[in-house]
Every structure is written in structure tokens, then in C-alpha cells.
Amino acid sequence: MRIANLAGRLVLLTADGRAADVAAVSGGRFAADPDRLFDQWDDLLEWSASLDPAAARPYDEADLLTPVPNPRQVFAIALNYRPHTAEAGYAEPAEPLVFTKFPSCLTGPAITIGLPEGNVDWELEMVAVVGRTAYRVPVENGWDPVVALSVGQDLSERIVQLAGRPPQFSLGKSFPGFGPVGPALVSLDEVADRDDLELTCELSDMVVQHDRTSNMIFPVPRLVAFLSAICPLFPGDLIFTGTPAGVGNRRTPQRFLAPGDVLVSRIEGLGEMRHTFRAASGASAHR
């Protein structure tokens, strides 16, 4: 199942690039509200297997919104790929390094994002989507609360992020539009190998990041076990699982996002996001 938020309504995306409105096609069996998604996840997953492709219609990608509009918690992991840890000049962490992105930064997979003043950087990440309440999950069961994966970008304004001692990670990564997720939530049954997916990030047609999720220092089960040992996890929580090497502030010379840039974020089996950037003029990116 590839489920998305199209102009505020739940839809299933088909392989041929169309969308089926869940509430309409199911005759009202399922709610159209994306905030109701995880209340009906298991039944919806079963029902989606019988969807008639003829029920799907063409759609405008610009109408896709963030698939989970109002998560209770958005976790993010720093330094979770060895080459990125090395390029940042740090030793490999012994435990996951956790910060948060505030939910107001979440946005859709195909919008134009306003750039605040400063140095805005890209960070392609796989996002693990929690679908079941979980607390103190053992690592061997770490995949159990996760129902889907998606593509994410942990956009970061480096001046705010690195200001102060300790740095302001969460603020620097939570400007409006700094948490793109999409284009859909892909249920795990559609993912060929959930532990080994190719990630590719392109900036204006140049590949800037390329790796595989199998190279994470802390794979998804370890992250779920670590987080849930402290915080209960709730349906709809998002875990940005870390970024590979190739970010702009570690390049020589440094390279940051500029008006007119096009950023393509792609993960094998999960889809692709495409964002254009403009100078912020007081307006915020739309959720």
C-alpha cells in the first residue's frame, strides 16, 4: 500500500501514477481524514489489496501534502552513517544521537520552499513511520511498531543549528518547510528489503549523496528499541533515521541551497520528492 495525503484527503497511489480516493472508493468505510489513518491502518492495508485500478484518477503532484500532518513526536538521528560521521569530524557514536524536528516544519513532497537567511543545507533521510503504540521494545522486535517507510529531507539552517553551546539543533532544523516527507507512506509488505535500500540525493542534476540504508550505524530496530526505552512511541510518530555523507557544509568549498535550486530526494522502492527553492519573503512553506 502506498498511501498519501492529496489536498487533505487520504488516497492510494497506483503504480501507473494515479490516485484513488480512499473514502469515496470504499463507500465511506474508511475516513478521508489523514489524521485518522492509523486508527484504520490494518483494515485499510487488507482492503487496499483488492483495489480496482479503474477507480484511480490522474492527480497533480503539487497537491500532495505531508502524509502524516500532525505526528505527536518527530525524532531525528544525527551521525548515523559512518562516512557522514567521518566527514563531520566525529568519532562513531556508541549510542544513537537524538534530536527533534518540530512538527510545524513538515511539508509535502513537491512544493517550493522559502529559504530563510543563512546557510540552508540538505540531508536526505529514510523516515520510519510508527503505526502502533510501543514502549520498551526489545531490539529483536524493533520493526514491529513500524508500519511504513517514506522519503524525508532534514533541511538544516546551519548558522542557527550550530549557534551556542550546546548547539540549537532542533531550531535550526525546524523552519517552515524544513521537514519534507513523501510522496507516500509505503507499507513494509511493498518494500523488497527494508534493511537495505539505495538513497540518492541530487542538487540541480548533480548527485550529492548516495548510499544504502544497510550502512546505518544504528538500523531501524536499534533506533526503535533505544527511543522506546525512554519515550512511548505513538501511531503517526516519525523517525528521521539519519543522512549519508555529502552534505553541503562539509564540502570544499561549502555549498548551500540557493533560490532556483532543485533538490531531488530518492529512495529505492519508496519514491521521489522534488523541491524548488526561493528566497523567503515573509511567506512560509505550506504544510
Protein backbone atom coordinates (compact mmCIF):
# COMPACT_ATOMS: atom_id res chain seq x y z
CA MET A 1 0.00 0.00 0.00
CA ARG A 2 1.21 3.47 -0.94
CA ILE A 3 -0.98 5.88 0.91
CA ALA A 4 -0.74 9.63 0.55
CA ASN A 5 -2.37 12.90 1.51
CA LEU A 6 -3.83 14.55 -1.58
CA ALA A 7 -5.19 18.02 -0.79
CA GLY A 8 -6.17 16.85 2.69
CA ARG A 9 -7.73 13.51 1.72
CA LEU A 10 -6.32 10.01 2.02
CA VAL A 11 -5.56 8.40 -1.33
CA LEU A 12 -3.89 5.25 -2.56
CA LEU A 13 -1.24 5.86 -5.20
CA THR A 14 -1.04 3.32 -8.02
CA ALA A 15 1.98 2.12 -9.97
CA ASP A 16 0.80 3.93 -13.10
CA GLY A 17 0.84 7.35 -11.42
CA ARG A 18 -2.81 7.76 -10.42
CA ALA A 19 -4.63 8.15 -7.13
CA ALA A 20 -7.76 6.54 -5.67
CA ASP A 21 -9.71 8.48 -3.04
CA VAL A 22 -9.97 6.07 -0.08
CA ALA A 23 -13.24 7.36 1.39
CA ALA A 24 -15.00 7.62 -1.96
CA VAL A 25 -13.89 4.28 -3.38
CA SER A 26 -14.61 2.43 -0.11
CA GLY A 27 -18.11 3.88 0.05
CA GLY A 28 -17.32 5.62 3.32
CA ARG A 29 -15.91 2.57 5.05
CA PHE A 30 -12.70 4.48 5.67
CA ALA A 31 -12.31 8.09 6.75
CA ALA A 32 -10.84 10.64 4.36
CA ASP A 33 -9.01 12.49 7.15
CA PRO A 34 -5.24 11.74 7.20
CA ASP A 35 -5.29 12.17 10.99
CA ARG A 36 -7.49 9.05 11.17
CA LEU A 37 -5.08 6.92 9.16
CA PHE A 38 -3.54 4.86 11.93
CA ASP A 39 -6.87 4.10 13.60
CA GLN A 40 -7.77 2.15 10.47
CA TRP A 41 -4.34 1.07 9.21
CA ASP A 42 -4.67 -2.73 9.41
CA ASP A 43 -8.13 -2.87 7.83
CA LEU A 44 -7.09 -0.37 5.18
CA LEU A 45 -4.00 -2.40 4.33
CA GLU A 46 -6.09 -5.52 3.83
CA TRP A 47 -8.72 -3.66 1.77
CA SER A 48 -6.12 -1.96 -0.43
CA ALA A 49 -5.07 -5.30 -1.91
CA SER A 50 -8.46 -5.55 -3.65
CA LEU A 51 -8.50 -2.01 -5.07
CA ASP A 52 -9.79 -1.84 -8.63
CA PRO A 53 -7.19 0.17 -10.62
CA ALA A 54 -10.04 1.67 -12.64
CA ALA A 55 -11.07 3.61 -9.54
CA ALA A 56 -7.87 5.68 -9.63
CA ARG A 57 -7.65 9.05 -11.38
CA PRO A 58 -4.80 11.32 -12.54
CA TYR A 59 -3.65 13.88 -10.00
CA ASP A 60 -1.35 16.86 -9.68
CA GLU A 61 1.77 16.08 -7.62
CA ALA A 62 1.71 19.66 -6.34
CA ASP A 63 -1.43 18.73 -4.38
CA LEU A 64 0.38 16.09 -2.34
CA LEU A 65 0.79 17.17 1.28
CA THR A 66 2.85 15.63 4.05
CA PRO A 67 1.36 12.14 4.61
CA VAL A 68 1.30 12.49 8.42
CA PRO A 69 0.21 16.08 9.11
CA ASN A 70 0.11 16.00 12.92
CA PRO A 71 2.50 13.49 14.46
CA ARG A 72 2.86 13.67 18.23
CA GLN A 73 6.62 13.14 18.03
CA VAL A 74 9.22 13.64 15.32
CA PHE A 75 12.55 12.08 16.21
CA ALA A 76 15.74 12.56 14.21
CA ILE A 77 19.10 10.82 14.43
CA ALA A 78 22.46 12.52 13.99
CA LEU A 79 25.62 10.84 12.66
CA ASN A 80 24.05 7.51 11.71
CA TYR A 81 26.21 6.73 8.65
CA ARG A 82 29.94 6.19 9.10
CA PRO A 83 31.08 8.29 6.09
CA HIS A 84 28.91 11.20 7.27
CA THR A 85 30.29 10.84 10.80
CA ALA A 86 33.81 10.94 9.36
CA GLU A 87 33.16 13.96 7.12
CA ALA A 88 31.73 15.81 10.14
CA GLY A 89 34.93 15.11 12.08
CA TYR A 90 33.45 12.98 14.84
CA ALA A 91 34.11 9.54 16.27
CA GLU A 92 31.46 6.90 15.71
CA PRO A 93 28.80 7.29 18.43
CA ALA A 94 28.29 4.48 20.90
CA GLU A 95 24.55 5.14 21.09
CA PRO A 96 22.08 6.96 18.81
CA LEU A 97 22.31 10.76 18.97
CA VAL A 98 18.75 12.08 19.05
CA PHE A 99 17.18 15.48 18.40
CA THR A 100 13.72 16.52 17.25
CA LYS A 101 12.21 18.39 14.34
CA PHE A 102 9.15 20.34 15.43
CA PRO A 103 6.03 19.15 13.55
CA SER A 104 5.32 22.64 12.19
CA CYS A 105 8.24 22.16 9.78
CA LEU A 106 6.61 19.22 7.96
CA THR A 107 5.66 19.75 4.33
CA GLY A 108 4.82 17.91 1.14
CA PRO A 109 6.99 16.20 -1.47
CA ALA A 110 6.65 18.59 -4.40
CA ILE A 111 6.45 22.21 -3.28
CA THR A 112 8.55 25.35 -3.46
CA ILE A 113 10.27 26.08 -0.16
CA GLY A 114 11.24 29.53 1.03
CA LEU A 115 14.85 29.90 2.16
CA PRO A 116 15.43 31.90 5.35
CA GLU A 117 18.59 33.94 5.71
CA GLY A 118 21.66 31.83 6.46
CA ASN A 119 23.17 28.60 5.17
CA VAL A 120 20.48 26.05 4.34
CA ASP A 121 21.74 22.51 3.80
CA TRP A 122 20.22 19.26 2.53
CA GLU A 123 20.10 15.89 4.34
CA LEU A 124 18.33 13.00 2.60
CA GLU A 125 16.88 10.52 5.09
CA MET A 126 14.69 7.45 5.19
CA VAL A 127 11.75 8.05 7.54
CA ALA A 128 10.36 5.18 9.62
CA VAL A 129 6.66 5.60 10.46
CA VAL A 130 5.35 4.21 13.73
CA GLY A 131 1.87 2.73 13.45
CA ARG A 132 1.37 1.10 16.84
CA THR A 133 1.84 2.30 20.40
CA ALA A 134 5.08 0.85 21.73
CA TYR A 135 7.13 1.12 24.92
CA ARG A 136 10.34 -0.65 25.89
CA VAL A 137 10.53 -2.69 22.70
CA PRO A 138 13.43 -5.20 22.61
CA VAL A 139 15.75 -4.75 19.65
CA GLU A 140 14.80 -8.13 18.17
CA ASN A 141 11.23 -6.82 17.84
CA GLY A 142 12.26 -3.35 16.72
CA TRP A 143 10.46 -3.49 13.38
CA ASP A 144 7.12 -4.47 14.97
CA PRO A 145 5.75 -0.94 15.70
CA VAL A 146 6.86 0.35 12.27
CA VAL A 147 4.20 0.06 9.58
CA ALA A 148 5.65 2.11 6.72
CA LEU A 149 8.66 3.91 5.32
CA SER A 150 8.92 7.18 3.41
CA VAL A 151 11.40 9.61 1.92
CA GLY A 152 12.42 12.59 4.03
CA GLN A 153 14.68 15.63 3.97
CA ASP A 154 16.15 17.02 7.17
CA LEU A 155 16.75 20.54 5.83
CA SER A 156 19.02 22.48 8.15
CA GLU A 157 19.97 26.14 8.53
CA ARG A 158 23.50 25.71 9.81
CA ILE A 159 24.04 29.11 11.47
CA VAL A 160 21.09 28.70 13.83
CA GLN A 161 21.78 24.98 14.24
CA LEU A 162 25.39 25.45 15.35
CA ALA A 163 24.95 28.64 17.36
CA GLY A 164 25.50 28.45 21.10
CA ARG A 165 26.91 25.82 23.40
CA PRO A 166 25.22 23.38 23.20
CA PRO A 167 24.08 23.90 19.59
CA GLN A 168 20.45 24.62 18.65
CA PHE A 169 19.89 21.50 16.51
CA SER A 170 16.11 21.37 16.74
CA LEU A 171 15.54 25.06 16.00
CA GLY A 172 17.95 25.13 13.06
CA LYS A 173 16.12 22.17 11.51
CA SER A 174 12.55 23.36 12.04
CA PHE A 175 11.99 26.41 9.85
CA PRO A 176 8.74 26.22 7.82
CA GLY A 177 9.14 23.61 5.09
CA PHE A 178 12.27 22.06 6.60
CA GLY A 179 10.69 18.60 7.04
CA PRO A 180 9.53 17.34 3.64
CA VAL A 181 8.11 13.80 3.75
CA GLY A 182 6.56 11.78 0.93
CA PRO A 183 5.37 11.20 -1.65
CA ALA A 184 3.60 8.40 0.23
CA LEU A 185 3.80 6.05 3.16
CA VAL A 186 4.90 2.71 1.73
CA SER A 187 3.76 -0.28 3.78
CA LEU A 188 6.51 -2.73 4.64
CA ASP A 189 4.98 -5.51 2.55
CA GLU A 190 5.85 -3.46 -0.56
CA VAL A 191 9.49 -2.98 0.39
CA ALA A 192 11.80 -5.61 -1.11
CA ASP A 193 14.44 -5.34 1.63
CA ARG A 194 13.55 -2.91 4.39
CA ASP A 195 17.11 -3.10 5.75
CA ASP A 196 18.92 -2.30 2.51
CA LEU A 197 17.57 0.49 0.30
CA GLU A 198 19.51 2.78 -2.03
CA LEU A 199 19.41 6.52 -1.27
CA THR A 200 20.24 9.19 -3.87
CA CYS A 201 20.08 12.96 -3.49
CA GLU A 202 20.59 15.25 -6.49
CA LEU A 203 21.06 19.01 -6.39
CA SER A 204 20.38 20.71 -9.72
CA ASP A 205 21.23 17.48 -11.60
CA MET A 206 24.41 16.70 -9.61
CA VAL A 207 24.47 13.68 -7.30
CA VAL A 208 25.45 14.96 -3.86
CA GLN A 209 24.53 11.97 -1.68
CA HIS A 210 24.48 8.26 -2.43
CA ASP A 211 24.48 5.33 -0.01
CA ARG A 212 22.42 2.40 1.23
CA THR A 213 20.40 2.12 4.43
CA SER A 214 22.29 -1.09 5.23
CA ASN A 215 25.22 1.20 6.09
CA MET A 216 23.44 2.79 9.05
CA ILE A 217 25.37 2.56 12.30
CA PHE A 218 22.08 2.04 14.15
CA PRO A 219 19.46 0.28 11.98
CA VAL A 220 15.74 0.88 12.48
CA PRO A 221 15.23 -1.89 15.10
CA ARG A 222 18.04 -0.44 17.22
CA LEU A 223 16.56 3.06 16.95
CA VAL A 224 13.09 1.86 17.95
CA ALA A 225 14.50 -0.04 20.92
CA PHE A 226 16.60 2.94 22.03
CA LEU A 227 13.83 5.52 21.72
CA SER A 228 11.08 3.36 23.20
CA ALA A 229 13.23 2.56 26.22
CA ILE A 230 12.72 6.20 27.20
CA CYS A 231 9.65 7.53 25.35
CA PRO A 232 6.44 5.70 24.50
CA LEU A 233 6.04 5.70 20.71
CA PHE A 234 2.63 6.53 19.29
CA PRO A 235 0.88 5.89 15.96
CA GLY A 236 2.00 8.52 13.49
CA ASP A 237 5.35 9.25 15.13
CA LEU A 238 8.13 9.81 12.61
CA ILE A 239 11.77 8.77 12.91
CA PHE A 240 14.20 10.52 10.54
CA THR A 241 16.90 7.85 10.56
CA GLY A 242 19.99 9.89 9.62
CA THR A 243 21.72 11.12 6.49
CA PRO A 244 24.63 9.79 4.40
CA ALA A 245 27.77 11.72 3.54
CA GLY A 246 27.67 14.57 1.05
CA VAL A 247 26.01 17.46 2.89
CA GLY A 248 26.84 20.99 1.81
CA ASN A 249 28.60 22.32 4.90
CA ARG A 250 31.23 19.56 4.70
CA ARG A 251 32.15 20.26 1.09
CA THR A 252 35.17 22.23 -0.08
CA PRO A 253 34.11 24.87 -0.90
CA GLN A 254 30.90 24.73 1.08
CA ARG A 255 27.69 24.64 -0.95
CA PHE A 256 24.30 25.68 0.38
CA LEU A 257 20.84 25.85 -1.16
CA ALA A 258 20.06 28.95 -3.21
CA PRO A 259 16.96 30.36 -4.93
CA GLY A 260 16.26 28.40 -8.10
CA ASP A 261 17.94 25.20 -6.92
CA VAL A 262 16.09 21.93 -7.49
CA LEU A 263 16.61 19.18 -4.92
CA VAL A 264 15.62 15.62 -5.81
CA SER A 265 15.40 13.10 -2.96
CA ARG A 266 15.02 9.45 -3.98
CA ILE A 267 14.95 6.17 -2.06
CA GLU A 268 14.68 2.80 -3.76
CA GLY A 269 11.14 1.46 -3.58
CA LEU A 270 9.83 4.46 -1.64
CA GLY A 271 9.63 7.11 -4.34
CA GLU A 272 10.99 10.54 -5.08
CA MET A 273 10.50 14.08 -3.82
CA ARG A 274 11.37 17.19 -5.85
CA HIS A 275 11.67 20.63 -4.29
CA THR A 276 12.45 24.03 -5.73
CA PHE A 277 13.75 26.85 -3.55
CA ARG A 278 13.07 30.57 -3.49
CA ALA A 279 14.10 33.46 -1.30
CA ALA A 280 11.76 33.75 1.66
CA SER A 281 9.73 36.96 1.61
CA GLY A 282 7.78 36.59 4.82
CA ALA A 283 5.68 33.72 3.45
CA SER A 284 6.07 30.22 4.80
CA ALA A 285 6.09 26.90 3.01
CA HIS A 286 2.70 25.19 3.16
CA ARG A 287 2.13 22.01 5.13
